[in-house]
Amino acid sequence: MKRTICVVFCANLVLVALSLKVPLPPASNALNSSLLCRLSDAAASSFPLGFSLASDEVLNFVAANGTQQSPNATSEESALVEKREMLKQAMNAYKSQKVKFQAAQAKLMAAMESLLNVPSIDPTALQTLVQNQKVPNWSGKKGNLVVFYAPWCPHCQSFVLHDGNGNPEKAPLEEVRRVLLSKQVGVARYDVQKNGQQIPMPFMVQAIPTIYFVNPSGKAVPFTGNPADVLKLRNFIEAQIA
């Protein structure tokens, strides 16, 4: 199946992405790549611009060099110095806007997080689930739904963080949680960007969002359907708790 590159750009939210190395998912968990973000597609930049540099130190080098003009410069050399000066100014403007954007996106994420009711869990909580133990304050008597995601992934954003229009309270996963409360099923999210490689077995995560149902005995069952199809997800959960 042809793999497409997930373009890491979203008007609502673009966050710093880390390089991750995690196990491959089960073969049955392979979906149309247009529905998922590969972890290997995580961007190296936090700024929404198709501008690839080894590091931001390059910006400092460009901004500080190559704009001095010799008194005996030819017209061609003078034109080159002028172009370099324009680049220097553009680089300085880029750096300034990047700092402002990073501050804005951090504020946006904090505001979204404050409105989410689905708890964010760590590797310890995950391990507790598969060891057939309860996690205080959120795990369910009949099982638990765990969603692996990253804030930089557009598919994850419109499933875990908001409803596609920027409203966290109406995010599909939040709606699923409200339905499952009466069914004694817990719901949690696991940020693979924040927790890095610390994904305990038996969870296999290569593309996100990846969804597992962990039954009361600790068995983790992957959801192999389209994560955006909430009806199929609810049917999957009903089958697990039947």
Protein backbone atom coordinates (compact mmCIF):
# COMPACT_ATOMS: atom_id res chain seq x y z
CA MET A 1 0.00 0.00 0.00
CA LYS A 2 1.37 3.33 -0.97
CA ARG A 3 2.45 5.38 2.01
CA THR A 4 1.75 9.06 1.95
CA ILE A 5 3.57 11.64 3.95
CA CYS A 6 1.56 13.25 6.69
CA VAL A 7 2.09 16.99 6.39
CA VAL A 8 2.57 18.35 9.86
CA PHE A 9 0.58 21.56 9.60
CA CYS A 10 -2.66 22.57 11.25
CA ALA A 11 -4.16 26.06 11.51
CA ASN A 12 -5.36 25.35 15.03
CA LEU A 13 -2.34 23.66 16.54
CA VAL A 14 1.20 22.68 15.58
CA LEU A 15 3.46 21.40 18.32
CA VAL A 16 7.07 20.38 18.64
CA ALA A 17 7.53 16.79 17.44
CA LEU A 18 10.15 14.35 18.60
CA SER A 19 11.89 11.52 16.81
CA LEU A 20 10.36 8.25 18.05
CA LYS A 21 11.30 4.60 17.64
CA VAL A 22 8.63 2.12 18.69
CA PRO A 23 7.60 -1.42 17.70
CA LEU A 24 5.65 -2.11 14.51
CA PRO A 25 1.89 -2.59 14.89
CA PRO A 26 0.11 -5.88 14.26
CA ALA A 27 -0.59 -6.55 10.57
CA SER A 28 -4.32 -6.33 11.25
CA ASN A 29 -3.83 -2.79 12.46
CA ALA A 30 -2.65 -1.52 9.06
CA LEU A 31 -5.05 1.09 7.71
CA ASN A 32 -5.23 3.49 4.82
CA SER A 33 -2.37 5.88 5.52
CA SER A 34 -4.67 8.84 4.83
CA LEU A 35 -6.38 8.07 8.14
CA LEU A 36 -3.21 7.95 10.24
CA CYS A 37 0.07 9.68 10.96
CA ARG A 38 3.19 7.52 10.93
CA LEU A 39 5.37 8.16 13.95
CA SER A 40 8.34 8.29 11.57
CA ASP A 41 6.68 11.34 9.96
CA ALA A 42 7.11 13.44 13.08
CA ALA A 43 8.39 16.85 12.08
CA ALA A 44 11.76 18.20 13.17
CA SER A 45 10.44 21.75 13.28
CA SER A 46 7.77 23.36 15.44
CA PHE A 47 7.15 26.22 13.05
CA PRO A 48 4.54 25.76 10.27
CA LEU A 49 6.80 26.47 7.32
CA GLY A 50 8.30 24.12 4.76
CA PHE A 51 11.79 25.23 5.70
CA SER A 52 14.31 22.51 6.37
CA LEU A 53 17.49 23.38 8.27
CA ALA A 54 20.01 21.31 10.19
CA SER A 55 19.31 23.53 13.20
CA ASP A 56 18.39 27.08 14.08
CA GLU A 57 22.10 27.83 14.47
CA VAL A 58 22.09 28.18 10.68
CA LEU A 59 19.79 31.16 11.08
CA ASN A 60 22.26 32.80 13.44
CA PHE A 61 25.11 32.21 11.00
CA VAL A 62 23.23 33.68 8.06
CA ALA A 63 22.06 36.65 10.08
CA ALA A 64 25.59 37.50 11.22
CA ASN A 65 27.61 36.91 8.05
CA GLY A 66 27.98 37.91 4.44
CA THR A 67 26.64 41.49 4.48
CA GLN A 68 29.89 43.47 4.49
CA GLN A 69 30.64 45.33 1.25
CA SER A 70 34.13 46.09 -0.02
CA PRO A 71 34.85 49.72 -1.03
CA ASN A 72 36.04 48.43 -4.42
CA ALA A 73 33.15 46.07 -5.00
CA THR A 74 31.83 45.58 -8.52
CA SER A 75 28.15 46.11 -9.32
CA GLU A 76 27.62 42.34 -9.23
CA GLU A 77 29.29 42.09 -5.81
CA SER A 78 27.24 45.01 -4.51
CA ALA A 79 24.04 43.36 -5.72
CA LEU A 80 25.03 40.12 -3.98
CA VAL A 81 25.70 41.95 -0.71
CA GLU A 82 22.31 43.64 -0.97
CA LYS A 83 20.58 40.29 -1.45
CA ARG A 84 22.43 38.87 1.54
CA GLU A 85 21.28 41.81 3.62
CA MET A 86 17.69 41.09 2.57
CA LEU A 87 18.17 37.47 3.64
CA LYS A 88 19.59 38.60 6.97
CA GLN A 89 16.54 40.77 7.63
CA ALA A 90 14.20 37.98 6.60
CA MET A 91 15.95 35.51 8.90
CA ASN A 92 15.68 37.90 11.84
CA ALA A 93 11.97 38.38 11.14
CA TYR A 94 11.49 34.61 10.88
CA LYS A 95 13.20 34.01 14.22
CA SER A 96 11.10 36.67 15.91
CA GLN A 97 7.83 35.27 14.57
CA LYS A 98 8.86 31.73 15.46
CA VAL A 99 9.33 32.67 19.12
CA LYS A 100 5.93 34.37 19.18
CA PHE A 101 4.26 31.39 17.53
CA GLN A 102 5.78 28.92 19.96
CA ALA A 103 4.46 30.97 22.87
CA ALA A 104 1.02 31.16 21.25
CA GLN A 105 0.81 27.43 20.58
CA ALA A 106 1.90 26.62 24.13
CA LYS A 107 -0.88 28.86 25.43
CA LEU A 108 -3.36 27.23 23.05
CA MET A 109 -2.43 23.72 24.14
CA ALA A 110 -2.70 24.62 27.82
CA ALA A 111 -6.17 26.07 27.23
CA MET A 112 -7.30 22.95 25.32
CA GLU A 113 -5.86 20.59 27.92
CA SER A 114 -7.78 22.39 30.66
CA LEU A 115 -11.08 21.54 28.95
CA LEU A 116 -10.37 17.85 28.28
CA ASN A 117 -11.91 15.32 30.67
CA VAL A 118 -10.22 12.25 29.19
CA PRO A 119 -7.17 11.77 31.43
CA SER A 120 -3.63 11.72 30.06
CA ILE A 121 -1.75 8.69 31.40
CA ASP A 122 1.90 7.69 31.69
CA PRO A 123 3.78 4.38 31.14
CA THR A 124 3.22 3.34 34.75
CA ALA A 125 -0.56 3.59 34.39
CA LEU A 126 -0.45 1.61 31.15
CA GLN A 127 1.57 -1.14 32.76
CA THR A 128 -0.86 -1.22 35.66
CA LEU A 129 -3.76 -1.90 33.28
CA VAL A 130 -2.13 -4.90 31.62
CA GLN A 131 -1.23 -6.28 35.03
CA ASN A 132 -4.94 -6.61 35.75
CA GLN A 133 -4.96 -3.76 38.26
CA LYS A 134 -7.11 -0.66 38.52
CA VAL A 135 -5.81 2.85 38.00
CA PRO A 136 -7.34 5.21 40.60
CA ASN A 137 -9.83 7.86 39.45
CA TRP A 138 -10.41 6.73 35.87
CA SER A 139 -10.17 3.00 35.09
CA GLY A 140 -13.43 1.14 34.49
CA LYS A 141 -14.83 -2.04 35.98
CA LYS A 142 -15.57 -3.57 32.55
CA GLY A 143 -12.41 -2.47 30.80
CA ASN A 144 -10.57 0.55 29.46
CA LEU A 145 -10.11 2.29 26.14
CA VAL A 146 -6.62 3.71 25.54
CA VAL A 147 -5.83 6.05 22.64
CA PHE A 148 -2.22 6.62 21.58
CA TYR A 149 -1.78 10.01 19.95
CA ALA A 150 0.53 12.99 19.48
CA PRO A 151 -0.45 16.68 19.39
CA TRP A 152 1.40 17.24 16.09
CA CYS A 153 -0.76 14.70 14.22
CA PRO A 154 -3.78 16.34 12.48
CA HIS A 155 -5.83 13.12 12.71
CA CYS A 156 -5.16 12.94 16.44
CA GLN A 157 -6.03 16.59 16.95
CA SER A 158 -9.51 16.22 15.46
CA PHE A 159 -10.16 13.02 17.43
CA VAL A 160 -8.52 13.62 20.80
CA LEU A 161 -7.98 17.36 21.23
CA HIS A 162 -10.92 19.05 19.52
CA ASP A 163 -13.85 18.54 17.15
CA GLY A 164 -12.20 19.88 14.00
CA ASN A 165 -13.48 23.38 14.76
CA GLY A 166 -11.24 23.94 17.77
CA ASN A 167 -13.72 22.94 20.50
CA PRO A 168 -12.07 20.52 22.99
CA GLU A 169 -15.33 19.79 24.80
CA LYS A 170 -16.78 18.25 21.63
CA ALA A 171 -13.74 16.23 20.62
CA PRO A 172 -14.89 12.75 19.44
CA LEU A 173 -12.95 11.03 22.23
CA GLU A 174 -14.63 13.27 24.81
CA GLU A 175 -18.02 12.26 23.39
CA VAL A 176 -17.03 8.57 23.54
CA ARG A 177 -16.02 8.98 27.16
CA ARG A 178 -19.41 10.45 28.08
CA VAL A 179 -21.20 7.48 26.49
CA LEU A 180 -18.94 4.92 28.17
CA LEU A 181 -19.27 6.34 31.68
CA SER A 182 -22.60 4.57 32.14
CA LYS A 183 -21.11 1.33 30.79
CA GLN A 184 -18.32 1.25 33.40
CA VAL A 185 -15.60 1.59 30.76
CA GLY A 186 -12.68 3.91 31.40
CA VAL A 187 -11.13 6.08 28.69
CA ALA A 188 -7.61 7.47 28.65
CA ARG A 189 -5.13 9.05 26.21
CA TYR A 190 -1.41 8.40 25.94
CA ASP A 191 0.77 11.11 24.41
CA VAL A 192 3.59 9.34 22.52
CA GLN A 193 5.37 12.66 22.01
CA LYS A 194 5.46 13.37 25.72
CA ASN A 195 6.27 9.82 26.83
CA GLY A 196 8.62 8.94 23.96
CA GLN A 197 9.71 5.31 23.66
CA GLN A 198 8.19 4.25 26.95
CA ILE A 199 5.34 2.20 25.50
CA PRO A 200 5.07 -1.05 27.46
CA MET A 201 4.20 -4.37 25.89
CA PRO A 202 1.85 -5.63 24.60
CA PHE A 203 0.93 -2.27 23.01
CA MET A 204 2.28 -1.98 19.46
CA VAL A 205 2.22 1.55 18.10
CA GLN A 206 3.68 2.70 14.79
CA ALA A 207 0.90 4.94 13.46
CA ILE A 208 -1.40 7.27 15.34
CA PRO A 209 -4.06 7.46 16.50
CA THR A 210 -3.87 3.84 17.64
CA ILE A 211 -6.65 2.54 19.88
CA TYR A 212 -6.68 -0.42 22.27
CA PHE A 213 -9.32 -1.88 24.54
CA VAL A 214 -7.86 -3.41 27.70
CA ASN A 215 -10.25 -5.90 29.27
CA PRO A 216 -10.46 -6.55 33.03
CA SER A 217 -8.01 -9.47 32.74
CA GLY A 218 -5.37 -7.15 31.25
CA LYS A 219 -5.61 -8.35 27.63
CA ALA A 220 -5.06 -5.51 25.13
CA VAL A 221 -7.17 -5.78 21.95
CA PRO A 222 -6.42 -3.36 19.07
CA PHE A 223 -9.18 -1.52 17.23
CA THR A 224 -8.41 -2.05 13.53
CA GLY A 225 -11.07 0.21 12.06
CA ASN A 226 -11.01 3.86 11.09
CA PRO A 227 -10.37 5.87 14.28
CA ALA A 228 -12.59 8.65 12.94
CA ASP A 229 -15.58 6.28 12.65
CA VAL A 230 -17.00 6.70 16.13
CA LEU A 231 -19.95 4.36 15.47
CA LYS A 232 -17.63 1.47 14.55
CA LEU A 233 -15.48 2.27 17.56
CA ARG A 234 -18.50 2.10 19.86
CA ASN A 235 -19.57 -1.22 18.27
CA PHE A 236 -16.04 -2.53 18.85
CA ILE A 237 -16.25 -1.56 22.52
CA GLU A 238 -19.70 -3.11 22.90
CA ALA A 239 -18.34 -6.38 21.49
CA GLN A 240 -15.51 -6.32 24.04
CA ILE A 241 -17.74 -5.85 27.07
CA ALA A 242 -20.56 -8.14 25.92
